[in-house]
């Protein structure tokens, strides 16, 4: 599975950008308008990261459920013998 999203950025790259934005927002020399723009960009990145994490979590859950079904089926086969 590709780590890239439709917008071409990896999750890790988006997270690094978000961390940079947070660091810049913590800098007291950033003006109000720049801070607002950074905040908006940060919120957008946070939304994308959260969405990607939810997608991955869902996929992991599906894989675990699928694996559990295989284990149950294997155990039923062994019990039948």
N, C-alpha and C. Protein backbone atom coordinates (compact mmCIF):
# COMPACT_ATOMS: atom_id res chain seq x y z
N UNK A 1 0.85 -1.19 0.00
CA UNK A 1 0.00 0.00 0.00
C UNK A 1 0.89 1.24 0.00
N UNK A 2 0.55 2.17 -0.82
CA UNK A 2 1.32 3.39 -0.92
C UNK A 2 1.09 4.28 0.29
N UNK A 3 2.18 4.92 0.75
CA UNK A 3 2.05 5.84 1.88
C UNK A 3 1.57 7.20 1.43
N UNK A 4 1.50 7.42 0.11
CA UNK A 4 1.08 8.73 -0.39
C UNK A 4 -0.42 8.80 -0.49
N UNK A 5 -0.94 9.95 -0.19
CA UNK A 5 -2.36 10.21 -0.31
C UNK A 5 -2.64 10.78 -1.69
N UNK A 6 -3.90 11.06 -1.97
CA UNK A 6 -4.29 11.61 -3.27
C UNK A 6 -3.60 12.94 -3.54
N UNK A 7 -3.32 13.72 -2.50
CA UNK A 7 -2.67 15.01 -2.70
C UNK A 7 -1.16 14.86 -2.85
N UNK A 8 -0.65 13.63 -2.78
CA UNK A 8 0.76 13.38 -3.03
C UNK A 8 1.68 13.51 -1.83
N UNK A 9 1.14 13.86 -0.68
CA UNK A 9 1.98 14.01 0.49
C UNK A 9 1.82 12.82 1.43
N UNK A 10 2.95 12.35 1.94
CA UNK A 10 2.92 11.28 2.92
C UNK A 10 2.41 11.81 4.26
N UNK A 11 1.85 10.93 5.05
CA UNK A 11 1.36 11.29 6.38
C UNK A 11 2.48 11.93 7.20
N UNK A 12 3.65 11.31 7.15
CA UNK A 12 4.78 11.82 7.94
C UNK A 12 5.18 13.23 7.52
N UNK A 13 5.09 13.52 6.23
CA UNK A 13 5.41 14.87 5.75
C UNK A 13 4.37 15.88 6.23
N UNK A 14 3.11 15.48 6.20
CA UNK A 14 2.06 16.36 6.69
C UNK A 14 2.21 16.61 8.18
N UNK A 15 2.56 15.59 8.93
CA UNK A 15 2.75 15.73 10.36
C UNK A 15 3.93 16.65 10.67
N UNK A 16 5.00 16.52 9.90
CA UNK A 16 6.17 17.39 10.09
C UNK A 16 5.80 18.84 9.82
N UNK A 17 5.00 19.08 8.78
CA UNK A 17 4.55 20.45 8.49
C UNK A 17 3.71 20.99 9.63
N UNK A 18 2.85 20.13 10.17
CA UNK A 18 2.01 20.54 11.29
C UNK A 18 2.87 20.90 12.51
N UNK A 19 3.89 20.12 12.76
CA UNK A 19 4.80 20.42 13.87
C UNK A 19 5.52 21.74 13.65
N UNK A 20 5.91 22.02 12.41
CA UNK A 20 6.56 23.30 12.10
C UNK A 20 5.60 24.47 12.35
N UNK A 21 4.35 24.28 11.96
CA UNK A 21 3.36 25.34 12.16
C UNK A 21 3.18 25.61 13.65
N UNK A 22 3.10 24.55 14.44
CA UNK A 22 2.95 24.72 15.89
C UNK A 22 4.14 25.49 16.46
N UNK A 23 5.33 25.13 16.02
CA UNK A 23 6.53 25.82 16.50
C UNK A 23 6.49 27.31 16.13
N UNK A 24 6.04 27.60 14.91
CA UNK A 24 5.97 29.01 14.50
C UNK A 24 4.90 29.76 15.27
N UNK A 25 3.79 29.10 15.57
CA UNK A 25 2.74 29.74 16.34
C UNK A 25 3.19 30.04 17.78
N UNK A 26 4.09 29.23 18.28
CA UNK A 26 4.61 29.45 19.63
C UNK A 26 5.62 30.59 19.68
N UNK A 27 6.10 31.02 18.52
CA UNK A 27 7.04 32.13 18.42
C UNK A 27 6.27 33.44 18.61
N UNK A 28 6.60 34.17 19.62
CA UNK A 28 5.86 35.39 19.95
C UNK A 28 6.05 36.52 18.93
N UNK A 29 7.01 36.38 18.04
CA UNK A 29 7.24 37.44 17.06
C UNK A 29 6.31 37.34 15.84
N UNK A 30 5.53 36.28 15.75
CA UNK A 30 4.61 36.09 14.62
C UNK A 30 3.42 37.04 14.80
N UNK A 31 3.12 37.78 13.74
CA UNK A 31 2.01 38.73 13.79
C UNK A 31 0.66 38.04 13.77
N UNK A 32 -0.35 38.80 14.08
CA UNK A 32 -1.70 38.26 14.19
C UNK A 32 -2.19 37.65 12.87
N UNK A 33 -2.05 38.36 11.77
CA UNK A 33 -2.52 37.86 10.48
C UNK A 33 -1.76 36.60 10.07
N UNK A 34 -0.45 36.62 10.26
CA UNK A 34 0.35 35.43 9.93
C UNK A 34 -0.06 34.27 10.83
N UNK A 35 -0.28 34.55 12.11
CA UNK A 35 -0.68 33.50 13.04
C UNK A 35 -2.03 32.90 12.62
N UNK A 36 -2.94 33.74 12.18
CA UNK A 36 -4.24 33.25 11.73
C UNK A 36 -4.09 32.34 10.52
N UNK A 37 -3.27 32.75 9.57
CA UNK A 37 -3.03 31.92 8.39
C UNK A 37 -2.38 30.60 8.76
N UNK A 38 -1.41 30.65 9.67
CA UNK A 38 -0.76 29.42 10.13
C UNK A 38 -1.76 28.51 10.83
N UNK A 39 -2.62 29.12 11.66
CA UNK A 39 -3.63 28.34 12.37
C UNK A 39 -4.57 27.65 11.40
N UNK A 40 -5.01 28.38 10.37
CA UNK A 40 -5.90 27.78 9.36
C UNK A 40 -5.22 26.62 8.65
N UNK A 41 -3.96 26.83 8.26
CA UNK A 41 -3.21 25.75 7.60
C UNK A 41 -3.04 24.56 8.54
N UNK A 42 -2.76 24.86 9.80
CA UNK A 42 -2.59 23.80 10.78
C UNK A 42 -3.85 22.99 10.99
N UNK A 43 -4.98 23.68 11.04
CA UNK A 43 -6.25 22.98 11.21
C UNK A 43 -6.53 22.07 10.01
N UNK A 44 -6.21 22.55 8.80
CA UNK A 44 -6.40 21.74 7.59
C UNK A 44 -5.50 20.50 7.63
N UNK A 45 -4.24 20.70 7.99
CA UNK A 45 -3.32 19.57 8.08
C UNK A 45 -3.75 18.59 9.17
N UNK A 46 -4.20 19.11 10.31
CA UNK A 46 -4.65 18.24 11.40
C UNK A 46 -5.84 17.39 10.94
N UNK A 47 -6.74 18.00 10.19
CA UNK A 47 -7.91 17.27 9.67
C UNK A 47 -7.47 16.16 8.73
N UNK A 48 -6.52 16.46 7.84
CA UNK A 48 -6.02 15.45 6.91
C UNK A 48 -5.32 14.31 7.66
N UNK A 49 -4.51 14.66 8.64
CA UNK A 49 -3.79 13.65 9.42
C UNK A 49 -4.77 12.77 10.19
N UNK A 50 -5.76 13.39 10.81
CA UNK A 50 -6.76 12.64 11.56
C UNK A 50 -7.51 11.69 10.64
N UNK A 51 -7.88 12.18 9.45
CA UNK A 51 -8.58 11.34 8.49
C UNK A 51 -7.75 10.14 8.06
N UNK A 52 -6.47 10.39 7.82
CA UNK A 52 -5.58 9.29 7.42
C UNK A 52 -5.44 8.27 8.54
N UNK A 53 -5.30 8.76 9.78
CA UNK A 53 -5.20 7.84 10.91
C UNK A 53 -6.46 7.00 11.05
N UNK A 54 -7.61 7.61 10.83
CA UNK A 54 -8.87 6.86 10.90
C UNK A 54 -8.93 5.80 9.81
N UNK A 55 -8.45 6.12 8.61
CA UNK A 55 -8.42 5.14 7.52
C UNK A 55 -7.53 3.96 7.89
N UNK A 56 -6.36 4.26 8.44
CA UNK A 56 -5.42 3.21 8.81
C UNK A 56 -6.00 2.36 9.94
N UNK A 57 -6.61 3.01 10.92
CA UNK A 57 -7.22 2.28 12.03
C UNK A 57 -8.30 1.33 11.52
N UNK A 58 -9.10 1.80 10.59
CA UNK A 58 -10.16 0.95 10.03
C UNK A 58 -9.56 -0.24 9.29
N UNK A 59 -8.50 0.01 8.54
CA UNK A 59 -7.85 -1.07 7.79
C UNK A 59 -7.25 -2.11 8.74
N UNK A 60 -6.61 -1.63 9.81
CA UNK A 60 -6.04 -2.55 10.79
C UNK A 60 -7.14 -3.39 11.43
N UNK A 61 -8.26 -2.76 11.75
CA UNK A 61 -9.38 -3.49 12.34
C UNK A 61 -9.89 -4.57 11.38
N UNK A 62 -9.98 -4.22 10.11
CA UNK A 62 -10.42 -5.19 9.11
C UNK A 62 -9.46 -6.37 9.03
N UNK A 63 -8.17 -6.06 9.05
CA UNK A 63 -7.17 -7.13 8.99
C UNK A 63 -7.23 -8.02 10.22
N UNK A 64 -7.42 -7.42 11.39
CA UNK A 64 -7.50 -8.20 12.62
C UNK A 64 -8.76 -9.07 12.62
N UNK A 65 -9.86 -8.53 12.15
CA UNK A 65 -11.09 -9.32 12.06
C UNK A 65 -10.93 -10.47 11.08
N UNK A 66 -10.30 -10.20 9.97
CA UNK A 66 -10.06 -11.22 8.96
C UNK A 66 -9.16 -12.31 9.53
N UNK A 67 -8.13 -11.90 10.24
CA UNK A 67 -7.20 -12.86 10.84
C UNK A 67 -7.92 -13.69 11.91
N UNK A 68 -8.77 -13.05 12.69
CA UNK A 68 -9.52 -13.76 13.73
C UNK A 68 -10.43 -14.81 13.10
N UNK A 69 -11.03 -14.50 11.97
CA UNK A 69 -11.89 -15.45 11.28
C UNK A 69 -11.09 -16.66 10.81
N UNK A 70 -9.87 -16.43 10.34
CA UNK A 70 -9.01 -17.52 9.89
C UNK A 70 -8.63 -18.40 11.07
N UNK A 71 -8.28 -17.78 12.19
CA UNK A 71 -7.90 -18.54 13.38
C UNK A 71 -9.07 -19.38 13.87
N UNK A 72 -10.26 -18.79 13.89
CA UNK A 72 -11.45 -19.53 14.32
C UNK A 72 -11.71 -20.70 13.38
N UNK A 73 -11.60 -20.45 12.08
CA UNK A 73 -11.82 -21.52 11.10
C UNK A 73 -10.79 -22.63 11.28
N UNK A 74 -9.53 -22.25 11.52
CA UNK A 74 -8.48 -23.25 11.74
C UNK A 74 -8.76 -24.08 12.98
N UNK A 75 -9.21 -23.41 14.04
CA UNK A 75 -9.52 -24.12 15.28
C UNK A 75 -10.70 -25.07 15.10
N UNK A 76 -11.71 -24.64 14.33
CA UNK A 76 -12.85 -25.50 14.06
C UNK A 76 -12.44 -26.72 13.27
N UNK A 77 -11.50 -26.54 12.30
CA UNK A 77 -11.00 -27.67 11.51
C UNK A 77 -10.27 -28.65 12.40
N UNK A 78 -9.46 -28.14 13.34
CA UNK A 78 -8.71 -29.00 14.24
C UNK A 78 -9.65 -29.74 15.18
N UNK A 79 -10.69 -29.08 15.66
CA UNK A 79 -11.64 -29.71 16.55
C UNK A 79 -12.43 -30.82 15.85
N UNK A 80 -12.65 -30.67 14.55
CA UNK A 80 -13.41 -31.66 13.79
C UNK A 80 -12.62 -32.94 13.57
N UNK A 81 -11.32 -32.86 13.69
CA UNK A 81 -10.49 -34.05 13.43
C UNK A 81 -10.50 -34.98 14.56
